[in-house]
Amino acid sequence: MTIHQGYHGRYFEDFVVDDVYEHPLGRTITETDNTWFTLLTQNTAPIHFDHEYAKNTDFGQPLVVATFTLALVAGQSVIDVSQNVYANVGWNDIKLPNPVFAGDTIRSRSTVLSARESRSRPYLGLVTVLTEGYNQRNETVISYERSVLVYKRGFGPRHAAQEGASLA
């Protein structure tokens, strides 16, 4: 029997400007997802959970709360962008050009905009990506720039656990 290691994500050295990562997992959003997320975040806007209210809007149905869309697409990108993250350091220019509804299937991709070594932590690199989420009709539903500090190969908690070393 052969044992194969699972994918552990990219390290700083793996990021190349202009590379595009088509994230492997899509997800169909349910009405329950939207209701729970709306309630968990105490969002009181009836456009997200009141069908009678939403029927009288231009959309004719409840909108999925935008922060759920952001959380979902950010989560989809982890496997390719931030599996080995030290910290998120910025989210910029979030745009929501098309609405999301229960029943939509969301997929995403990220494009590497920049990558440079950290000036203060020699075991990290700063990577900025443009992430876009799109629905089953290939309409962009969200886009944003995200900057993360990512461990260099041979550093971080995974390496420390394997080597009995410190986190740096």
Protein backbone atom coordinates (compact mmCIF):
# COMPACT_ATOMS: atom_id res chain seq x y z
CA MET A 1 0.00 0.00 0.00
CA THR A 2 1.22 3.49 -0.86
CA ILE A 3 0.34 6.44 1.36
CA HIS A 4 -0.01 9.75 -0.45
CA GLN A 5 0.27 13.11 1.27
CA GLY A 6 -2.70 15.44 0.86
CA TYR A 7 -2.28 18.82 -0.78
CA HIS A 8 -0.90 21.36 1.69
CA GLY A 9 -1.35 24.53 -0.34
CA ARG A 10 1.07 26.99 -1.81
CA TYR A 11 3.99 28.62 -0.07
CA PHE A 12 5.28 32.08 -0.90
CA GLU A 13 7.78 30.73 -3.46
CA ASP A 14 4.92 29.15 -5.45
CA PHE A 15 3.19 32.44 -6.30
CA VAL A 16 3.92 33.94 -9.73
CA VAL A 17 2.45 37.27 -10.82
CA ASP A 18 -0.34 36.83 -13.40
CA ASP A 19 -0.91 33.15 -12.56
CA VAL A 20 -4.62 32.30 -12.29
CA TYR A 21 -5.97 29.68 -9.92
CA GLU A 22 -9.35 28.20 -10.80
CA HIS A 23 -10.47 27.11 -7.34
CA PRO A 24 -11.71 23.51 -7.44
CA LEU A 25 -14.85 23.67 -5.32
CA GLY A 26 -18.12 25.31 -6.25
CA ARG A 27 -21.18 25.49 -4.01
CA THR A 28 -24.89 25.86 -4.55
CA ILE A 29 -26.32 28.30 -2.03
CA THR A 30 -29.48 27.26 -0.23
CA GLU A 31 -32.19 29.37 1.33
CA THR A 32 -31.15 27.92 4.70
CA ASP A 33 -27.54 29.11 4.17
CA ASN A 34 -28.79 32.63 3.57
CA THR A 35 -31.24 32.64 6.50
CA TRP A 36 -28.72 31.23 8.97
CA PHE A 37 -25.95 33.59 7.93
CA THR A 38 -28.33 36.55 8.06
CA LEU A 39 -29.45 35.60 11.57
CA LEU A 40 -25.93 34.79 12.80
CA THR A 41 -24.70 38.22 11.74
CA GLN A 42 -27.82 40.02 13.05
CA ASN A 43 -28.54 41.52 9.66
CA THR A 44 -32.05 42.94 9.96
CA ALA A 45 -32.57 43.94 6.29
CA PRO A 46 -35.79 42.14 5.21
CA ILE A 47 -34.52 41.86 1.62
CA HIS A 48 -32.54 38.82 2.83
CA PHE A 49 -35.19 36.79 4.66
CA ASP A 50 -38.73 38.15 4.12
CA HIS A 51 -40.18 36.67 0.92
CA GLU A 52 -43.22 38.96 0.95
CA TYR A 53 -41.03 42.05 1.30
CA ALA A 54 -38.58 40.82 -1.35
CA LYS A 55 -41.44 40.06 -3.78
CA ASN A 56 -42.06 43.82 -3.96
CA THR A 57 -38.47 44.70 -4.95
CA ASP A 58 -36.92 44.78 -8.41
CA PHE A 59 -35.39 41.38 -7.62
CA GLY A 60 -38.71 39.70 -6.78
CA GLN A 61 -37.04 37.35 -4.30
CA PRO A 62 -34.66 37.50 -1.32
CA LEU A 63 -31.06 38.42 -2.04
CA VAL A 64 -28.28 36.35 -0.53
CA VAL A 65 -26.57 38.58 2.02
CA ALA A 66 -23.40 40.02 0.46
CA THR A 67 -21.16 39.08 3.37
CA PHE A 68 -22.12 35.42 2.89
CA THR A 69 -21.02 35.68 -0.75
CA LEU A 70 -17.73 37.24 0.40
CA ALA A 71 -17.18 34.53 3.03
CA LEU A 72 -17.99 31.72 0.60
CA VAL A 73 -15.69 32.96 -2.17
CA ALA A 74 -12.89 33.70 0.31
CA GLY A 75 -13.28 30.18 1.66
CA GLN A 76 -13.15 28.69 -1.84
CA SER A 77 -9.83 30.44 -2.41
CA VAL A 78 -8.09 29.11 0.70
CA ILE A 79 -6.83 25.90 -0.91
CA ASP A 80 -4.90 27.87 -3.54
CA VAL A 81 -4.14 31.20 -1.86
CA SER A 82 -4.02 31.03 1.92
CA GLN A 83 -3.69 27.42 3.08
CA ASN A 84 -0.31 28.47 4.52
CA VAL A 85 -1.33 31.92 5.68
CA TYR A 86 0.27 33.74 8.57
CA ALA A 87 -2.39 36.48 8.44
CA ASN A 88 -4.79 38.31 6.17
CA VAL A 89 -3.60 41.91 6.01
CA GLY A 90 -6.11 43.59 3.72
CA TRP A 91 -9.32 43.34 1.72
CA ASN A 92 -9.78 46.10 -0.83
CA ASP A 93 -12.09 47.21 -3.60
CA ILE A 94 -14.93 44.75 -2.92
CA LYS A 95 -17.48 44.92 -5.74
CA LEU A 96 -20.82 43.13 -6.10
CA PRO A 97 -21.84 43.67 -9.75
CA ASN A 98 -24.66 41.08 -9.88
CA PRO A 99 -27.09 39.74 -7.28
CA VAL A 100 -26.90 36.27 -5.74
CA PHE A 101 -30.00 34.20 -4.99
CA ALA A 102 -30.67 30.89 -3.27
CA GLY A 103 -30.12 28.19 -5.89
CA ASP A 104 -27.13 29.93 -7.50
CA THR A 105 -23.94 27.90 -7.75
CA ILE A 106 -20.86 29.98 -7.02
CA ARG A 107 -17.34 29.20 -8.24
CA SER A 108 -14.24 31.36 -8.05
CA ARG A 109 -10.79 32.13 -9.35
CA SER A 110 -7.85 34.19 -8.14
CA THR A 111 -5.18 36.02 -10.13
CA VAL A 112 -1.84 36.83 -8.50
CA LEU A 113 -1.29 40.60 -8.70
CA SER A 114 1.93 40.88 -6.70
CA ALA A 115 4.31 38.88 -4.52
CA ARG A 116 7.23 40.19 -2.50
CA GLU A 117 9.22 39.13 0.52
CA SER A 118 8.20 40.59 3.87
CA ARG A 119 10.44 43.43 4.99
CA SER A 120 10.08 42.63 8.69
CA ARG A 121 9.63 38.84 8.80
CA PRO A 122 12.17 36.93 6.68
CA TYR A 123 10.09 33.71 6.86
CA LEU A 124 7.07 35.32 5.14
CA GLY A 125 6.04 36.82 1.82
CA LEU A 126 3.27 39.29 1.01
CA VAL A 127 0.95 38.13 -1.77
CA THR A 128 -1.92 40.13 -3.28
CA VAL A 129 -4.58 38.47 -5.41
CA LEU A 130 -7.68 39.55 -7.28
CA THR A 131 -10.44 37.04 -6.48
CA GLU A 132 -13.62 36.81 -8.52
CA GLY A 133 -16.71 34.78 -7.76
CA TYR A 134 -19.12 33.90 -10.55
CA ASN A 135 -22.44 32.10 -10.86
CA GLN A 136 -23.64 29.26 -13.08
CA ARG A 137 -24.23 31.77 -15.90
CA ASN A 138 -20.59 32.89 -15.61
CA GLU A 139 -21.70 36.33 -14.35
CA THR A 140 -19.30 37.91 -11.88
CA VAL A 141 -21.10 38.28 -8.54
CA ILE A 142 -18.16 39.51 -6.44
CA SER A 143 -14.58 40.67 -6.91
CA TYR A 144 -12.00 41.96 -4.45
CA GLU A 145 -8.29 42.32 -3.84
CA ARG A 146 -6.89 40.43 -0.86
CA SER A 147 -3.41 40.65 0.63
CA VAL A 148 -2.01 37.84 2.76
CA LEU A 149 1.22 37.11 4.52
CA VAL A 150 2.18 33.56 3.50
CA TYR A 151 4.85 31.34 5.00
CA LYS A 152 7.91 30.53 2.94
CA ARG A 153 8.65 26.87 2.32
CA GLY A 154 10.18 25.23 5.40
CA PHE A 155 8.54 27.62 7.87
CA GLY A 156 5.28 27.85 9.78
CA PRO A 157 3.20 25.61 12.02
CA ARG A 158 3.16 22.60 9.66
CA HIS A 159 6.96 22.64 9.44
CA ALA A 160 7.29 23.20 13.19
CA ALA A 161 5.07 20.20 13.93
CA GLN A 162 7.10 17.98 11.59
CA GLU A 163 10.49 19.21 12.75
CA GLY A 164 9.78 20.06 16.38
CA ALA A 165 10.93 23.61 15.54
CA SER A 166 9.53 27.03 16.41
CA LEU A 167 6.77 28.61 14.32
CA ALA A 168 9.17 30.99 12.60
